[in-house]
Amino acid sequence: MTTILYEHPLNERIRSYLKLEQLFAQANDCLACGIKTSQGIFFNSLFAIIDTLERNDIRGDLIKDLEKLEQNLIVWSQSPKVDVTALEQNLKHTVALVCKLRNPRPKWWQLKDDKFLATVKQRFAIQGGNSSFDLPQLHFWLNRPESLQQENIARWLELLDQIKYALTLILKFIRLRSEFSLINTDSGFYQDSGEGILLLRIKVDQQAQYYPTVSGNKFRYSIRFMLPCAESGRRYSNQATKFELAKC
C-alpha cells in the first residue's frame, strides 16, 4: 500500500527543526533543476535558513540535543543486541558535531557578510523585487559559466553543513523512537496524551480522500481528519478512518 506521510511537531524546537529540514531539501533540489529556472526557490530557501538561524537559538538547541544523544548512545552501547559498528560511527559523528557547533562564531555567519547575498536578499524581501531590472547583479551572475555558479552555491551550502548534519542526525533518532501502529476510528477523530512525545508521524493511504490536521502540545494532542470541499475549502470527515501513527 502506498501511503502519504504527515509529520507534526509537538513543541517549538522540533517545529524549527522540521522547517529547516524542508528548507535544506528545497535548496538542494534546486541544484538538479538548474539554478536559472529555480533561482527564486533556491535563494528564498537560503535566506529563510539564515533568518531562522539568526532569530532562534538553533545552535544551542542542537548542541543540547546532540549531548543527550551522546549520553543515550553510551547507554545503548551496553546492550548485547546493539550494532557496535553503527553505534560507534554515530557516536563519533555526534561528538565531532558538538565540538564544531561550540565554536563561538559559527561558519554560517559568513553568509551574512557576503556582499552579493546581502544585495540579493534585500531585493528578495520585496514582492517581485528579484526582476532582472531590479537585480542586474543577480542577472549577471545567472549568465556566468555554470561551473562558477556551482562553485558559489557549493561554498554557500558548505557553510551550513554543520547545522544540516546535526539536524539530520537528531531527527533520524527522534523518528526511530517509535514504530507505526494501525489506528481505526469511527468518526475521523483521534486524541491522546502527548506526554513525552516530540513528533507525531501519520501515514494515510494515498487513495484515501481525507487528510489529517493536528492540534496539541506536549500534554495532549488531537488528530482531526478533513475532506476537501469546493464551497468552504475543507470540511470535517465523520467517516470511519484508518491510519498508521508513530508517537516519537
Protein backbone atom coordinates (compact mmCIF):
# COMPACT_ATOMS: atom_id res chain seq x y z
CA MET A 1 0.00 0.00 0.00
CA THR A 2 1.34 3.41 -0.99
CA THR A 3 0.94 5.98 1.77
CA ILE A 4 1.35 9.70 2.34
CA LEU A 5 3.43 10.58 5.41
CA TYR A 6 2.41 13.59 7.51
CA GLU A 7 4.54 14.85 10.40
CA HIS A 8 3.54 17.25 13.15
CA PRO A 9 5.83 18.62 15.92
CA LEU A 10 4.56 18.98 19.48
CA ASN A 11 6.98 21.72 20.55
CA GLU A 12 8.60 24.78 19.00
CA ARG A 13 12.10 23.28 18.92
CA ILE A 14 11.05 20.37 16.73
CA ARG A 15 8.90 22.74 14.64
CA SER A 16 12.03 24.78 13.83
CA TYR A 17 13.98 21.61 13.06
CA LEU A 18 11.37 20.39 10.57
CA LYS A 19 11.14 23.79 8.88
CA LEU A 20 14.91 23.88 8.43
CA GLU A 21 14.97 20.31 7.15
CA GLN A 22 12.43 21.21 4.46
CA LEU A 23 14.30 24.39 3.52
CA PHE A 24 17.54 22.44 3.13
CA ALA A 25 15.73 19.89 0.94
CA GLN A 26 14.29 22.65 -1.25
CA ALA A 27 17.67 24.35 -1.67
CA ASN A 28 19.37 21.09 -2.64
CA ASP A 29 16.57 20.02 -5.02
CA CYS A 30 17.10 23.24 -6.97
CA LEU A 31 20.59 22.14 -7.96
CA ALA A 32 19.20 19.26 -10.02
CA CYS A 33 16.74 21.57 -11.83
CA GLY A 34 19.31 24.18 -12.81
CA ILE A 35 19.75 27.43 -10.92
CA LYS A 36 18.45 29.61 -13.78
CA THR A 37 14.98 28.09 -13.59
CA SER A 38 14.90 27.57 -9.82
CA GLN A 39 16.68 30.71 -8.60
CA GLY A 40 13.61 32.00 -6.73
CA ILE A 41 13.14 28.81 -4.70
CA PHE A 42 16.87 28.46 -4.04
CA PHE A 43 17.51 31.97 -2.76
CA ASN A 44 14.23 32.15 -0.82
CA SER A 45 15.16 28.87 0.89
CA LEU A 46 18.72 30.01 1.60
CA PHE A 47 17.57 33.34 3.05
CA ALA A 48 14.86 31.63 5.12
CA ILE A 49 17.52 29.32 6.61
CA ILE A 50 19.71 32.30 7.51
CA ASP A 51 16.77 34.20 9.07
CA THR A 52 15.67 31.14 11.08
CA LEU A 53 19.19 30.59 12.43
CA GLU A 54 19.53 34.28 13.27
CA ARG A 55 16.19 34.62 15.07
CA ASN A 56 16.31 31.40 17.08
CA ASP A 57 18.95 29.75 19.22
CA ILE A 58 19.01 26.74 16.91
CA ARG A 59 22.71 26.15 17.54
CA GLY A 60 22.16 25.97 21.30
CA ASP A 61 19.23 23.58 20.89
CA LEU A 62 21.22 21.37 18.56
CA ILE A 63 24.13 21.19 20.99
CA LYS A 64 21.80 20.18 23.86
CA ASP A 65 20.08 17.52 21.75
CA LEU A 66 23.40 16.16 20.50
CA GLU A 67 24.71 15.93 24.06
CA LYS A 68 21.57 13.99 25.06
CA LEU A 69 22.06 11.73 22.06
CA GLU A 70 25.68 11.16 23.03
CA GLN A 71 24.60 10.08 26.53
CA ASN A 72 21.96 7.73 25.10
CA LEU A 73 24.41 6.18 22.67
CA ILE A 74 26.80 5.44 25.53
CA VAL A 75 23.96 3.76 27.45
CA TRP A 76 22.85 1.77 24.39
CA SER A 77 26.42 0.56 23.88
CA GLN A 78 25.93 -1.68 26.93
CA SER A 79 23.17 -3.65 25.18
CA PRO A 80 24.32 -7.04 23.80
CA LYS A 81 21.96 -6.66 20.80
CA VAL A 82 23.34 -3.34 19.59
CA ASP A 83 25.15 -2.97 16.26
CA VAL A 84 28.50 -1.86 17.68
CA THR A 85 29.90 -0.58 14.37
CA ALA A 86 26.86 1.59 13.62
CA LEU A 87 26.72 2.87 17.19
CA GLU A 88 30.41 3.83 17.22
CA GLN A 89 30.02 5.68 13.92
CA ASN A 90 27.02 7.64 15.21
CA LEU A 91 28.78 8.39 18.50
CA LYS A 92 31.90 9.64 16.71
CA HIS A 93 29.79 11.79 14.41
CA THR A 94 27.83 13.21 17.36
CA VAL A 95 30.91 14.15 19.38
CA ALA A 96 32.52 15.81 16.34
CA LEU A 97 29.41 17.87 15.61
CA VAL A 98 29.16 19.09 19.21
CA CYS A 99 32.78 20.28 19.10
CA LYS A 100 32.23 22.13 15.82
CA LEU A 101 28.95 23.75 16.87
CA ARG A 102 30.50 25.08 20.09
CA ASN A 103 32.62 27.47 18.05
CA PRO A 104 31.54 30.95 19.24
CA ARG A 105 31.36 32.23 15.66
CA PRO A 106 29.51 29.61 13.56
CA LYS A 107 30.54 29.04 9.96
CA TRP A 108 27.15 30.03 8.55
CA TRP A 109 27.68 33.57 9.87
CA GLN A 110 29.93 34.18 6.86
CA LEU A 111 26.79 34.13 4.71
CA LYS A 112 25.67 37.36 6.40
CA ASP A 113 28.96 39.01 5.42
CA ASP A 114 28.65 38.02 1.75
CA LYS A 115 28.02 41.28 -0.15
CA PHE A 116 26.44 39.58 -3.15
CA LEU A 117 23.97 37.64 -0.99
CA ALA A 118 23.22 40.75 1.08
CA THR A 119 22.23 42.69 -2.06
CA VAL A 120 20.10 39.86 -3.42
CA LYS A 121 18.45 39.22 -0.04
CA GLN A 122 17.43 42.86 0.28
CA ARG A 123 15.56 42.77 -3.04
CA PHE A 124 14.06 39.31 -2.43
CA ALA A 125 12.37 40.73 0.68
CA ILE A 126 10.27 42.90 -1.67
CA GLN A 127 7.45 41.19 -3.54
CA GLY A 128 8.56 40.83 -7.16
CA GLY A 129 11.84 42.51 -6.29
CA ASN A 130 14.00 39.90 -7.99
CA SER A 131 13.23 41.05 -11.55
CA SER A 132 16.26 41.35 -13.80
CA PHE A 133 15.92 45.15 -14.00
CA ASP A 134 15.84 45.41 -10.18
CA LEU A 135 18.72 42.99 -9.70
CA PRO A 136 21.16 43.33 -12.62
CA GLN A 137 23.85 41.89 -10.33
CA LEU A 138 21.88 38.65 -10.00
CA HIS A 139 21.06 38.66 -13.73
CA PHE A 140 24.79 38.97 -14.45
CA TRP A 141 25.57 36.08 -12.05
CA LEU A 142 22.92 33.86 -13.64
CA ASN A 143 24.62 34.31 -17.01
CA ARG A 144 28.08 33.45 -15.74
CA PRO A 145 29.55 29.99 -16.52
CA GLU A 146 27.64 27.19 -14.81
CA SER A 147 30.84 25.95 -13.18
CA LEU A 148 31.24 29.29 -11.39
CA GLN A 149 27.63 29.24 -10.20
CA GLN A 150 28.03 25.70 -8.87
CA GLU A 151 31.22 26.71 -7.09
CA ASN A 152 29.47 29.63 -5.37
CA ILE A 153 26.44 27.52 -4.40
CA ALA A 154 28.62 24.73 -3.04
CA ARG A 155 30.53 27.25 -0.90
CA TRP A 156 27.32 28.79 0.49
CA LEU A 157 25.79 25.42 1.34
CA GLU A 158 29.07 24.11 2.79
CA LEU A 159 28.92 26.89 5.41
CA LEU A 160 25.61 25.37 6.57
CA ASP A 161 26.81 21.76 6.61
CA GLN A 162 27.31 21.56 10.38
CA ILE A 163 23.73 22.69 11.01
CA LYS A 164 22.36 20.39 8.32
CA TYR A 165 24.27 17.30 9.54
CA ALA A 166 23.27 17.94 13.16
CA LEU A 167 19.61 18.29 12.15
CA THR A 168 19.73 15.12 10.09
CA LEU A 169 21.28 13.10 12.92
CA ILE A 170 18.90 14.37 15.62
CA LEU A 171 15.75 13.95 13.52
CA LYS A 172 16.85 10.45 12.49
CA PHE A 173 16.99 9.29 16.09
CA ILE A 174 13.77 11.09 17.02
CA ARG A 175 11.97 9.29 14.20
CA LEU A 176 13.42 5.97 15.37
CA ARG A 177 11.88 6.40 18.82
CA SER A 178 8.60 4.76 17.81
CA GLU A 179 7.24 2.29 15.28
CA PHE A 180 3.95 2.75 13.43
CA SER A 181 0.74 1.28 14.86
CA LEU A 182 -2.53 0.84 12.99
CA ILE A 183 -5.34 3.06 14.31
CA ASN A 184 -9.05 2.80 13.45
CA THR A 185 -11.58 5.49 14.36
CA ASP A 186 -15.32 5.62 13.69
CA SER A 187 -15.63 9.39 13.42
CA GLY A 188 -12.47 10.73 11.80
CA PHE A 189 -11.22 12.00 15.16
CA TYR A 190 -8.49 10.73 17.49
CA GLN A 191 -6.88 12.15 20.62
CA ASP A 192 -4.39 11.01 23.21
CA SER A 193 -1.85 12.21 25.77
CA GLY A 194 1.18 13.99 24.37
CA GLU A 195 3.40 13.39 27.38
CA GLY A 196 6.97 12.59 26.34
CA ILE A 197 6.16 12.90 22.62
CA LEU A 198 8.15 15.24 20.38
CA LEU A 199 6.83 14.33 16.96
CA LEU A 200 3.72 12.68 15.50
CA ARG A 201 4.10 10.75 12.26
CA ILE A 202 0.90 9.81 10.44
CA LYS A 203 0.62 7.52 7.43
CA VAL A 204 -2.54 7.65 5.33
CA ASP A 205 -3.38 5.55 2.28
CA GLN A 206 -2.63 7.59 -0.83
CA GLN A 207 -6.05 6.62 -2.24
CA ALA A 208 -7.90 7.91 0.83
CA GLN A 209 -9.96 11.07 0.27
CA TYR A 210 -9.14 12.54 3.69
CA TYR A 211 -6.07 14.09 5.30
CA PRO A 212 -5.09 14.78 8.94
CA THR A 213 -4.90 18.10 10.78
CA VAL A 214 -3.22 18.11 14.19
CA SER A 215 -3.53 20.40 17.17
CA GLY A 216 -1.93 19.97 20.55
CA ASN A 217 1.15 20.31 22.69
CA LYS A 218 3.36 18.21 24.98
CA PHE A 219 0.38 17.45 27.25
CA ARG A 220 -2.34 16.42 24.80
CA TYR A 221 -2.96 16.27 21.07
CA SER A 222 -5.85 15.59 18.72
CA ILE A 223 -5.99 14.48 15.09
CA ARG A 224 -9.00 15.55 13.04
CA PHE A 225 -9.37 14.21 9.51
CA MET A 226 -10.63 16.56 6.85
CA LEU A 227 -12.19 16.27 3.40
CA PRO A 228 -11.64 18.69 0.51
CA CYS A 229 -14.70 20.86 -0.14
CA ALA A 230 -15.27 23.10 -3.17
CA GLU A 231 -17.51 25.50 -1.21
CA SER A 232 -15.56 26.02 2.01
CA GLY A 233 -12.14 24.61 1.12
CA ARG A 234 -12.42 21.73 3.59
CA ARG A 235 -14.87 20.07 5.96
CA TYR A 236 -14.76 17.60 8.82
CA SER A 237 -14.73 13.91 7.97
CA ASN A 238 -17.16 11.86 10.06
CA GLN A 239 -16.49 8.57 8.33
CA ALA A 240 -14.61 5.55 9.63
CA THR A 241 -10.91 6.28 9.28
CA LYS A 242 -7.85 4.04 9.18
CA PHE A 243 -4.31 5.33 9.54
CA GLU A 244 -0.91 4.48 10.99
CA LEU A 245 0.57 6.50 13.83
CA ALA A 246 4.07 6.72 15.31
CA LYS A 247 4.42 8.71 18.54
CA CYS A 248 8.09 9.71 18.57
